[in-house]
C-alpha atoms as a PDB file:
ATOM      1  CA  MET A   1       0.020  -0.325   0.337  1.00  0.00           C
ATOM      2  CA  TRP A   2       0.972   3.517  -0.426  1.00  0.00           C
ATOM      3  CA  VAL A   3       0.857   5.438   2.282  1.00  0.00           C
ATOM      4  CA  ALA A   4       0.437   8.844   2.714  1.00  0.00           C
ATOM      5  CA  ASP A   5       2.840   9.544   5.710  1.00  0.00           C
ATOM      6  CA  ASN A   6       4.388  12.436   5.597  1.00  0.00           C
ATOM      7  CA  TRP A   7       1.597  15.019   6.988  1.00  0.00           C
ATOM      8  CA  LYS A   8       2.272  17.711   9.876  1.00  0.00           C
ATOM      9  CA  ASP A   9      -1.250  19.292   9.865  1.00  0.00           C
ATOM     10  CA  TYR A  10      -3.379  16.167   9.381  1.00  0.00           C
ATOM     11  CA  ARG A  11      -3.438  12.632  10.859  1.00  0.00           C
ATOM     12  CA  VAL A  12      -6.073  10.126  11.621  1.00  0.00           C
ATOM     13  CA  LEU A  13      -6.166   9.902  15.142  1.00  0.00           C
ATOM     14  CA  ASP A  14      -8.734   6.797  15.409  1.00  0.00           C
ATOM     15  CA  CYS A  15     -11.091   4.657  13.481  1.00  0.00           C
ATOM     16  CA  SER A  16     -14.241   2.167  14.712  1.00  0.00           C
ATOM     17  CA  ARG A  17     -17.816   1.528  14.094  1.00  0.00           C
ATOM     18  CA  GLY A  18     -18.261   3.177  10.731  1.00  0.00           C
ATOM     19  CA  GLU A  19     -16.526   6.556  11.785  1.00  0.00           C
ATOM     20  CA  LYS A  20     -12.687   7.998  11.772  1.00  0.00           C
ATOM     21  CA  VAL A  21     -11.634  11.102  14.226  1.00  0.00           C
ATOM     22  CA  GLU A  22      -9.427  13.309  12.188  1.00  0.00           C
ATOM     23  CA  ARG A  23      -7.026  16.223  13.623  1.00  0.00           C
ATOM     24  CA  TRP A  24      -7.464  18.982  10.393  1.00  0.00           C
ATOM     25  CA  GLY A  25      -5.143  21.838  11.898  1.00  0.00           C
ATOM     26  CA  GLU A  26      -6.588  23.108  14.972  1.00  0.00           C
ATOM     27  CA  TYR A  27     -10.239  21.109  14.539  1.00  0.00           C
ATOM     28  CA  ILE A  28     -11.238  17.409  15.316  1.00  0.00           C
ATOM     29  CA  LEU A  29     -13.613  16.193  12.906  1.00  0.00           C
ATOM     30  CA  VAL A  30     -15.564  13.282  13.106  1.00  0.00           C
ATOM     31  CA  ARG A  31     -16.770  11.762   9.910  1.00  0.00           C
ATOM     32  CA  PRO A  32     -18.621   8.662   8.303  1.00  0.00           C
ATOM     33  CA  ASP A  33     -15.706   6.021   7.079  1.00  0.00           C
ATOM     34  CA  PRO A  34     -17.270   3.144   4.634  1.00  0.00           C
ATOM     35  CA  GLN A  35     -14.028   1.186   5.316  1.00  0.00           C
ATOM     36  CA  VAL A  36     -13.983   1.018   9.112  1.00  0.00           C
ATOM     37  CA  ILE A  37     -16.179  -2.277   9.888  1.00  0.00           C
ATOM     38  CA  TRP A  38     -14.968  -3.070  13.077  1.00  0.00           C
ATOM     39  CA  ASP A  39     -15.704  -2.578  16.306  1.00  0.00           C
ATOM     40  CA  THR A  40     -13.028  -1.844  18.814  1.00  0.00           C
ATOM     41  CA  PRO A  41     -12.493  -0.060  21.724  1.00  0.00           C
ATOM     42  CA  LYS A  42     -12.376   4.005  20.927  1.00  0.00           C
ATOM     43  CA  LYS A  43      -8.760   4.690  22.244  1.00  0.00           C
ATOM     44  CA  SER A  44      -8.388   8.201  21.803  1.00  0.00           C
ATOM     45  CA  LYS A  45      -9.683  11.134  23.661  1.00  0.00           C
ATOM     46  CA  ALA A  46     -10.171  13.055  20.859  1.00  0.00           C
ATOM     47  CA  TRP A  47     -13.670  11.536  20.057  1.00  0.00           C
ATOM     48  CA  LYS A  48     -15.060  14.068  22.957  1.00  0.00           C
ATOM     49  CA  LYS A  49     -12.991  16.909  21.864  1.00  0.00           C
ATOM     50  CA  LYS A  50     -14.740  17.433  18.268  1.00  0.00           C
ATOM     51  CA  ASN A  51     -15.248  20.363  16.566  1.00  0.00           C
ATOM     52  CA  ALA A  52     -17.610  18.896  14.357  1.00  0.00           C
ATOM     53  CA  HIS A  53     -19.690  15.578  13.762  1.00  0.00           C
ATOM     54  CA  TYR A  54     -20.771  14.651  10.491  1.00  0.00           C
ATOM     55  CA  HIS A  55     -24.106  12.207  11.163  1.00  0.00           C
ATOM     56  CA  ARG A  56     -24.708   9.744   8.335  1.00  0.00           C
ATOM     57  CA  SER A  57     -28.787   9.708   7.686  1.00  0.00           C
ATOM     58  CA  SER A  58     -30.339   5.943   6.850  1.00  0.00           C
ATOM     59  CA  LYS A  59     -32.220   7.422   4.107  1.00  0.00           C
ATOM     60  CA  GLY A  60     -28.778   8.347   2.397  1.00  0.00           C
ATOM     61  CA  GLY A  61     -26.424  11.152   2.461  1.00  0.00           C
ATOM     62  CA  GLY A  62     -26.328  13.348   6.461  1.00  0.00           C
ATOM     63  CA  GLU A  63     -25.523  16.430   7.959  1.00  0.00           C
ATOM     64  CA  TRP A  64     -22.709  18.225   9.841  1.00  0.00           C
ATOM     65  CA  GLU A  65     -23.652  18.804  13.572  1.00  0.00           C
ATOM     66  CA  PHE A  66     -20.798  21.903  14.667  1.00  0.00           C
ATOM     67  CA  PHE A  67     -19.691  22.557  18.145  1.00  0.00           C
ATOM     68  CA  ASP A  68     -16.816  24.894  17.298  1.00  0.00           C
ATOM     69  CA  LEU A  69     -15.714  24.811  13.944  1.00  0.00           C
ATOM     70  CA  PRO A  70     -15.219  28.070  11.517  1.00  0.00           C
ATOM     71  CA  GLU A  71     -16.776  28.412   8.264  1.00  0.00           C
ATOM     72  CA  GLN A  72     -13.155  27.894   6.850  1.00  0.00           C
ATOM     73  CA  TRP A  73      -9.824  27.454   7.918  1.00  0.00           C
ATOM     74  CA  SER A  74      -6.425  26.186   6.252  1.00  0.00           C
ATOM     75  CA  ILE A  75      -3.378  23.343   6.843  1.00  0.00           C
ATOM     76  CA  HIS A  76      -0.760  23.008   4.884  1.00  0.00           C
ATOM     77  CA  TYR A  77       1.035  20.307   3.396  1.00  0.00           C
ATOM     78  CA  ARG A  78       5.059  20.969   2.828  1.00  0.00           C
ATOM     79  CA  ASP A  79       4.924  24.543   1.224  1.00  0.00           C
ATOM     80  CA  LEU A  80       1.322  23.994  -0.229  1.00  0.00           C
ATOM     81  CA  THR A  81      -1.381  25.405   1.876  1.00  0.00           C
ATOM     82  CA  PHE A  82      -5.614  24.426   1.518  1.00  0.00           C
ATOM     83  CA  GLN A  83      -8.396  26.487   2.536  1.00  0.00           C
ATOM     84  CA  LEU A  84     -10.900  23.592   4.133  1.00  0.00           C
ATOM     85  CA  LYS A  85     -14.422  23.713   4.490  1.00  0.00           C
ATOM     86  CA  PRO A  86     -17.210  21.626   5.666  1.00  0.00           C
ATOM     87  CA  PHE A  87     -19.486  20.945   2.758  1.00  0.00           C
ATOM     88  CA  ASN A  88     -21.661  18.704   1.241  1.00  0.00           C
ATOM     89  CA  PHE A  89     -21.590  14.733   2.041  1.00  0.00           C
ATOM     90  CA  LYS A  90     -19.081  14.895   4.871  1.00  0.00           C
ATOM     91  CA  HIS A  91     -16.068  16.268   2.641  1.00  0.00           C
ATOM     92  CA  THR A  92     -13.531  19.544   3.527  1.00  0.00           C
ATOM     93  CA  GLY A  93     -12.242  20.287   0.386  1.00  0.00           C
ATOM     94  CA  LEU A  94      -9.061  17.616   0.153  1.00  0.00           C
ATOM     95  CA  PHE A  95      -8.458  14.382   0.053  1.00  0.00           C
ATOM     96  CA  PRO A  96      -5.335  13.493   2.336  1.00  0.00           C
ATOM     97  CA  GLU A  97      -4.369  10.139   1.330  1.00  0.00           C
ATOM     98  CA  GLN A  98      -3.677  11.644  -2.180  1.00  0.00           C
ATOM     99  CA  ALA A  99      -0.499  13.350  -0.827  1.00  0.00           C
ATOM    100  CA  VAL A 100       1.444  10.259  -1.259  1.00  0.00           C
ATOM    101  CA  ASN A 101       0.796  10.735  -5.110  1.00  0.00           C
ATOM    102  CA  TRP A 102       1.845  14.266  -4.570  1.00  0.00           C
ATOM    103  CA  ASP A 103       4.985  13.316  -3.611  1.00  0.00           C
ATOM    104  CA  TRP A 104       5.549  10.602  -6.529  1.00  0.00           C
ATOM    105  CA  PHE A 105       4.821  12.524  -9.575  1.00  0.00           C
ATOM    106  CA  SER A 106       6.950  15.382  -7.650  1.00  0.00           C
ATOM    107  CA  GLU A 107       9.949  13.913  -7.737  1.00  0.00           C
ATOM    108  CA  LYS A 108       9.226  12.873 -11.052  1.00  0.00           C
ATOM    109  CA  ILE A 109       8.409  16.565 -12.285  1.00  0.00           C
ATOM    110  CA  LYS A 110      11.813  17.715 -10.783  1.00  0.00           C
ATOM    111  CA  LYS A 111      13.989  14.961 -12.018  1.00  0.00           C
ATOM    112  CA  ALA A 112      12.759  15.368 -15.430  1.00  0.00           C
ATOM    113  CA  ASN A 113      15.514  17.086 -17.927  1.00  0.00           C
ATOM    114  CA  ARG A 114      12.286  19.225 -20.466  1.00  0.00           C
ATOM    115  CA  PRO A 115       9.588  21.315 -19.388  1.00  0.00           C
ATOM    116  CA  ILE A 116       6.685  19.358 -18.464  1.00  0.00           C
ATOM    117  CA  LYS A 117       2.791  19.911 -19.333  1.00  0.00           C
ATOM    118  CA  VAL A 118       0.543  18.617 -16.671  1.00  0.00           C
ATOM    119  CA  LEU A 119      -2.819  17.933 -17.683  1.00  0.00           C
ATOM    120  CA  ASN A 120      -5.203  17.597 -14.168  1.00  0.00           C
ATOM    121  CA  LEU A 121      -8.593  16.082 -15.000  1.00  0.00           C
ATOM    122  CA  PHE A 122     -11.808  15.627 -12.365  1.00  0.00           C
ATOM    123  CA  ALA A 123      -9.046  18.319 -10.680  1.00  0.00           C
ATOM    124  CA  TYR A 124     -11.418  19.185  -7.856  1.00  0.00           C
ATOM    125  CA  THR A 125      -9.842  22.052  -5.379  1.00  0.00           C
ATOM    126  CA  GLY A 126      -6.636  21.234  -6.827  1.00  0.00           C
ATOM    127  CA  GLY A 127      -4.801  19.677  -4.620  1.00  0.00           C
ATOM    128  CA  ALA A 128      -2.621  17.586  -7.127  1.00  0.00           C
ATOM    129  CA  THR A 129      -2.484  21.042  -9.826  1.00  0.00           C
ATOM    130  CA  LEU A 130      -0.781  23.079  -6.927  1.00  0.00           C
ATOM    131  CA  ALA A 131       1.528  20.139  -5.978  1.00  0.00           C
ATOM    132  CA  ALA A 132       2.534  19.753  -9.639  1.00  0.00           C
ATOM    133  CA  ALA A 133       3.046  23.440 -10.357  1.00  0.00           C
ATOM    134  CA  ALA A 134       4.931  23.935  -7.054  1.00  0.00           C
ATOM    135  CA  ALA A 135       7.657  21.040  -8.674  1.00  0.00           C
ATOM    136  CA  GLY A 136       8.091  23.360 -11.705  1.00  0.00           C
ATOM    137  CA  ALA A 137       5.442  21.865 -14.039  1.00  0.00           C
ATOM    138  CA  GLN A 138       2.716  23.983 -16.465  1.00  0.00           C
ATOM    139  CA  VAL A 139      -0.538  22.623 -15.402  1.00  0.00           C
ATOM    140  CA  THR A 140      -4.227  22.867 -17.208  1.00  0.00           C
ATOM    141  CA  HIS A 141      -6.572  22.219 -14.443  1.00  0.00           C
ATOM    142  CA  VAL A 142      -9.872  20.965 -15.821  1.00  0.00           C
ATOM    143  CA  ASP A 143     -13.027  20.240 -13.436  1.00  0.00           C
ATOM    144  CA  ALA A 144     -16.751  20.771 -14.233  1.00  0.00           C
ATOM    145  CA  SER A 145     -17.879  22.481 -11.534  1.00  0.00           C
ATOM    146  CA  LYS A 146     -17.467  26.326 -11.290  1.00  0.00           C
ATOM    147  CA  GLY A 147     -17.206  26.604  -6.966  1.00  0.00           C
ATOM    148  CA  MET A 148     -14.387  24.082  -7.388  1.00  0.00           C
ATOM    149  CA  VAL A 149     -12.225  25.851 -10.014  1.00  0.00           C
ATOM    150  CA  ASN A 150     -12.571  28.816  -8.085  1.00  0.00           C
ATOM    151  CA  TRP A 151     -11.677  26.910  -4.829  1.00  0.00           C
ATOM    152  CA  ALA A 152      -8.646  25.427  -6.269  1.00  0.00           C
ATOM    153  CA  LYS A 153      -7.580  29.107  -7.578  1.00  0.00           C
ATOM    154  CA  GLU A 154      -8.541  30.494  -3.798  1.00  0.00           C
ATOM    155  CA  ASN A 155      -5.737  27.142  -3.193  1.00  0.00           C
ATOM    156  CA  ALA A 156      -3.282  28.628  -5.815  1.00  0.00           C
ATOM    157  CA  VAL A 157      -3.537  32.508  -3.782  1.00  0.00           C
ATOM    158  CA  SER A 158      -2.700  30.815  -0.342  1.00  0.00           C
ATOM    159  CA  SER A 159       0.221  28.346  -1.247  1.00  0.00           C
ATOM    160  CA  GLY A 160       1.980  31.600  -3.152  1.00  0.00           C
ATOM    161  CA  LEU A 161       0.880  29.757  -6.763  1.00  0.00           C
ATOM    162  CA  LYS A 162      -1.309  32.546  -7.689  1.00  0.00           C
ATOM    163  CA  ASP A 163       1.397  33.698 -11.045  1.00  0.00           C
ATOM    164  CA  ALA A 164       1.679  30.017 -11.563  1.00  0.00           C
ATOM    165  CA  PRO A 165       1.660  28.333 -15.308  1.00  0.00           C
ATOM    166  CA  ILE A 166      -1.927  27.223 -14.749  1.00  0.00           C
ATOM    167  CA  ARG A 167      -4.573  27.184 -16.903  1.00  0.00           C
ATOM    168  CA  TRP A 168      -8.205  27.062 -15.236  1.00  0.00           C
ATOM    169  CA  LEU A 169     -10.614  25.775 -16.857  1.00  0.00           C
ATOM    170  CA  VAL A 170     -14.385  24.570 -16.021  1.00  0.00           C
ATOM    171  CA  ASP A 171     -15.237  22.371 -18.477  1.00  0.00           C
ATOM    172  CA  ASP A 172     -16.653  18.591 -19.351  1.00  0.00           C
ATOM    173  CA  CYS A 173     -13.384  16.718 -18.935  1.00  0.00           C
ATOM    174  CA  VAL A 174     -14.316  14.338 -21.861  1.00  0.00           C
ATOM    175  CA  LYS A 175     -15.313  17.115 -23.885  1.00  0.00           C
ATOM    176  CA  PHE A 176     -12.046  19.244 -22.950  1.00  0.00           C
ATOM    177  CA  VAL A 177     -10.076  15.973 -24.070  1.00  0.00           C
ATOM    178  CA  GLU A 178     -11.387  15.978 -27.449  1.00  0.00           C
ATOM    179  CA  ARG A 179     -10.980  18.986 -28.427  1.00  0.00           C
ATOM    180  CA  GLU A 180      -7.681  19.103 -27.371  1.00  0.00           C
ATOM    181  CA  ILE A 181      -7.259  16.510 -29.958  1.00  0.00           C
ATOM    182  CA  ARG A 182      -8.782  18.485 -32.565  1.00  0.00           C
ATOM    183  CA  ARG A 183      -6.300  20.773 -31.901  1.00  0.00           C
ATOM    184  CA  GLY A 184      -3.205  18.852 -32.050  1.00  0.00           C
ATOM    185  CA  HIS A 185      -1.942  19.909 -28.323  1.00  0.00           C
ATOM    186  CA  HIS A 186       0.092  17.240 -26.246  1.00  0.00           C
ATOM    187  CA  TYR A 187       1.064  16.667 -22.721  1.00  0.00           C
ATOM    188  CA  ASP A 188       3.287  15.006 -21.068  1.00  0.00           C
ATOM    189  CA  ALA A 189       1.278  13.588 -18.224  1.00  0.00           C
ATOM    190  CA  ILE A 190      -1.971  13.675 -17.587  1.00  0.00           C
ATOM    191  CA  ILE A 191      -3.203  12.768 -13.362  1.00  0.00           C
ATOM    192  CA  MET A 192      -7.274  12.012 -13.361  1.00  0.00           C
ATOM    193  CA  ASP A 193      -9.497  11.785 -10.418  1.00  0.00           C
ATOM    194  CA  PRO A 194     -12.465  10.730 -11.401  1.00  0.00           C
ATOM    195  CA  PRO A 195     -16.048  10.716  -9.385  1.00  0.00           C
ATOM    196  CA  SER A 196     -17.841   7.406  -9.435  1.00  0.00           C
ATOM    197  CA  TYR A 197     -20.778   9.081 -10.650  1.00  0.00           C
ATOM    198  CA  GLY A 198     -21.326  12.748 -12.150  1.00  0.00           C
ATOM    199  CA  ARG A 199     -22.996  15.154 -14.306  1.00  0.00           C
ATOM    200  CA  GLY A 200     -21.089  18.194 -16.524  1.00  0.00           C
ATOM    201  CA  PRO A 201     -22.066  21.518 -17.327  1.00  0.00           C
ATOM    202  CA  LYS A 202     -24.811  20.821 -19.738  1.00  0.00           C
ATOM    203  CA  GLY A 203     -25.943  17.336 -17.732  1.00  0.00           C
ATOM    204  CA  GLU A 204     -23.457  15.296 -19.322  1.00  0.00           C
ATOM    205  CA  ILE A 205     -23.639  11.779 -17.288  1.00  0.00           C
ATOM    206  CA  TRP A 206     -20.264  10.277 -16.359  1.00  0.00           C
ATOM    207  CA  LYS A 207     -20.527   6.827 -14.826  1.00  0.00           C
ATOM    208  CA  ILE A 208     -16.837   5.633 -14.169  1.00  0.00           C
ATOM    209  CA  GLU A 209     -17.554   1.880 -14.599  1.00  0.00           C
ATOM    210  CA  GLU A 210     -18.994   2.730 -18.394  1.00  0.00           C
ATOM    211  CA  CYS A 211     -16.634   5.570 -19.214  1.00  0.00           C
ATOM    212  CA  ILE A 212     -13.105   5.893 -17.396  1.00  0.00           C
ATOM    213  CA  TYR A 213     -11.700   2.878 -20.092  1.00  0.00           C
ATOM    214  CA  ASP A 214     -12.702   4.855 -23.229  1.00  0.00           C
ATOM    215  CA  LEU A 215     -11.334   8.505 -22.119  1.00  0.00           C
ATOM    216  CA  ILE A 216      -7.872   6.528 -20.634  1.00  0.00           C
ATOM    217  CA  LYS A 217      -7.793   5.728 -23.766  1.00  0.00           C
ATOM    218  CA  LEU A 218      -8.714   9.299 -25.227  1.00  0.00           C
ATOM    219  CA  CYS A 219      -6.104  10.630 -23.470  1.00  0.00           C
ATOM    220  CA  THR A 220      -3.677   9.003 -25.245  1.00  0.00           C
ATOM    221  CA  GLN A 221      -3.781  10.748 -28.200  1.00  0.00           C
ATOM    222  CA  ILE A 222      -3.072  13.556 -26.018  1.00  0.00           C
ATOM    223  CA  LEU A 223       0.317  12.459 -25.117  1.00  0.00           C
ATOM    224  CA  VAL A 224       3.810  13.175 -26.223  1.00  0.00           C
ATOM    225  CA  PRO A 225       5.041  10.247 -27.537  1.00  0.00           C
ATOM    226  CA  ASN A 226       7.463   9.691 -24.039  1.00  0.00           C
ATOM    227  CA  PRO A 227       4.823  10.511 -21.420  1.00  0.00           C
ATOM    228  CA  LEU A 228       6.592  11.534 -17.893  1.00  0.00           C
ATOM    229  CA  PHE A 229       3.691   9.845 -16.370  1.00  0.00           C
ATOM    230  CA  PHE A 230      -0.068   9.176 -16.325  1.00  0.00           C
ATOM    231  CA  LEU A 231      -1.784   8.739 -12.989  1.00  0.00           C
ATOM    232  CA  VAL A 232      -5.747   7.578 -12.338  1.00  0.00           C
ATOM    233  CA  ASN A 233      -7.300   7.454  -8.793  1.00  0.00           C
ATOM    234  CA  SER A 234     -10.276   5.567  -7.960  1.00  0.00           C
ATOM    235  CA  TYR A 235     -12.608   5.676  -5.134  1.00  0.00           C
ATOM    236  CA  THR A 236     -15.113   3.474  -6.862  1.00  0.00           C
ATOM    237  CA  THR A 237     -15.082  -0.092  -4.993  1.00  0.00           C
ATOM    238  CA  GLY A 238     -15.051  -1.855  -8.597  1.00  0.00           C
ATOM    239  CA  LEU A 239     -12.191  -0.476  -9.587  1.00  0.00           C
ATOM    240  CA  GLN A 240      -9.493  -2.018  -7.481  1.00  0.00           C
ATOM    241  CA  PRO A 241      -5.565  -1.829  -8.438  1.00  0.00           C
ATOM    242  CA  ALA A 242      -5.216  -4.950 -10.292  1.00  0.00           C
ATOM    243  CA  VAL A 243      -8.241  -3.299 -12.517  1.00  0.00           C
ATOM    244  CA  LEU A 244      -6.139  -0.052 -12.780  1.00  0.00           C
ATOM    245  CA  LYS A 245      -3.095  -1.730 -13.407  1.00  0.00           C
ATOM    246  CA  TYR A 246      -4.682  -3.854 -16.421  1.00  0.00           C
ATOM    247  CA  MET A 247      -7.019  -0.728 -17.759  1.00  0.00           C
ATOM    248  CA  ILE A 248      -3.847   1.292 -17.938  1.00  0.00           C
ATOM    249  CA  THR A 249      -1.057  -1.192 -19.123  1.00  0.00           C
ATOM    250  CA  THR A 250      -3.258  -2.186 -22.806  1.00  0.00           C
ATOM    251  CA  ALA A 251      -4.742   1.364 -23.141  1.00  0.00           C
ATOM    252  CA  LEU A 252      -0.537   2.607 -23.095  1.00  0.00           C
ATOM    253  CA  SER A 253       0.895  -0.352 -24.527  1.00  0.00           C
ATOM    254  CA  ASP A 254       2.482   2.146 -27.563  1.00  0.00           C
ATOM    255  CA  PHE A 255       4.379   4.191 -24.614  1.00  0.00           C
ATOM    256  CA  PRO A 256       7.673   2.504 -23.286  1.00  0.00           C
ATOM    257  CA  GLY A 257       7.030   2.857 -19.631  1.00  0.00           C
ATOM    258  CA  THR A 258       5.922   0.571 -16.416  1.00  0.00           C
ATOM    259  CA  VAL A 259       2.565   0.596 -15.063  1.00  0.00           C
ATOM    260  CA  THR A 260       2.083  -0.580 -11.381  1.00  0.00           C
ATOM    261  CA  ALA A 261      -1.062  -0.021  -9.123  1.00  0.00           C
ATOM    262  CA  ASP A 262      -2.043  -0.217  -5.515  1.00  0.00           C
ATOM    263  CA  GLU A 263      -4.169   0.724  -2.507  1.00  0.00           C
ATOM    264  CA  ILE A 264      -3.806   4.304  -1.114  1.00  0.00           C
ATOM    265  CA  GLY A 265      -3.899   4.199   2.897  1.00  0.00           C
ATOM    266  CA  LEU A 266      -3.060   7.272   5.559  1.00  0.00           C
ATOM    267  CA  PRO A 267      -1.934   5.947   9.006  1.00  0.00           C
ATOM    268  CA  VAL A 268      -3.648   5.273  11.961  1.00  0.00           C
ATOM    269  CA  HIS A 269      -2.273   7.165  15.231  1.00  0.00           C
ATOM    270  CA  SER A 270      -4.369   5.067  18.129  1.00  0.00           C
ATOM    271  CA  SER A 271      -3.379   1.360  16.415  1.00  0.00           C
ATOM    272  CA  GLY A 272      -0.151   1.779  14.013  1.00  0.00           C
ATOM    273  CA  LEU A 273      -2.673  -0.013  10.920  1.00  0.00           C
ATOM    274  CA  VAL A 274      -3.427   2.013   7.913  1.00  0.00           C
ATOM    275  CA  LEU A 275      -6.866   2.909   6.717  1.00  0.00           C
ATOM    276  CA  PRO A 276      -7.407   1.853   3.113  1.00  0.00           C
ATOM    277  CA  CYS A 277      -8.110   5.075   1.465  1.00  0.00           C
ATOM    278  CA  GLY A 278      -9.032   3.911  -2.640  1.00  0.00           C
ATOM    279  CA  ALA A 279      -6.628   2.834  -5.138  1.00  0.00           C
ATOM    280  CA  SER A 280      -4.102   4.549  -7.585  1.00  0.00           C
ATOM    281  CA  GLY A 281      -2.801   3.488 -10.820  1.00  0.00           C
ATOM    282  CA  ARG A 282       0.746   4.977 -12.267  1.00  0.00           C
ATOM    283  CA  PHE A 283       2.297   4.722 -15.378  1.00  0.00           C
ATOM    284  CA  GLU A 284       6.115   5.870 -15.447  1.00  0.00           C
ATOM    285  CA  GLY A 285       7.763   6.967 -18.161  1.00  0.00           C
ATOM    286  CA  ILE A 286      11.039   5.753 -19.094  1.00  0.00           C
ATOM    287  CA  GLU A 287      13.900   8.778 -19.013  1.00  0.00           C
END
């Protein structure tokens, strides 16, 4: 498993009975987690010191219960600063486990002996975008949500990357790639973090099991002949690491490189175990 264990401002303190208690900077949040199916004693005192608690509803969705939490606050990862706020369906605007991928591709960008153009699809609030830009890449950030793109811009300003070479685009990711093919544009690296289900700006329906392989294949048409990397993230249960590895291997069979895939996770402070948080597939080009 690839573990995001370099955080200073974030930590999973404990987890039990379908929930995890986390420290986000100065604040303690309790949130549901479908991976936590064990019923172990709650070891951390943080459970009783929570600033907010997201309660899952038996009818689907849920709601936040607030005790003492600001509307917005920030945390840091290395030289990056992220603005956080509690919003729909338990999220805060950041997936800390992705830091293990940020570190991986940042090193590849820094060591590349050429300028690197990165395309980040389904780019959300910009964690990967900012990590790539901070490493020296020129980044195209694409997300269908205007609100998410604006949030990512806030994170860029907070991280001192306001003037970094980042293109911010509100667009349907598939249609954007199709237009890039027609324009003849190419990228050295592609990152995609697709949702299990979603809708584009004009109501386009996205179902990951039906669409992900075709999008990966489509993206091969905008890769340079010797790509630096290609990263695919998945939080969908059916897309296990072996599936990601096979998809990437077959889709990028014409490019020189190697493919690996694994679960990604976060260390749990109280137990020393690692909490699984999805999976990633990585193509690494031969430099």
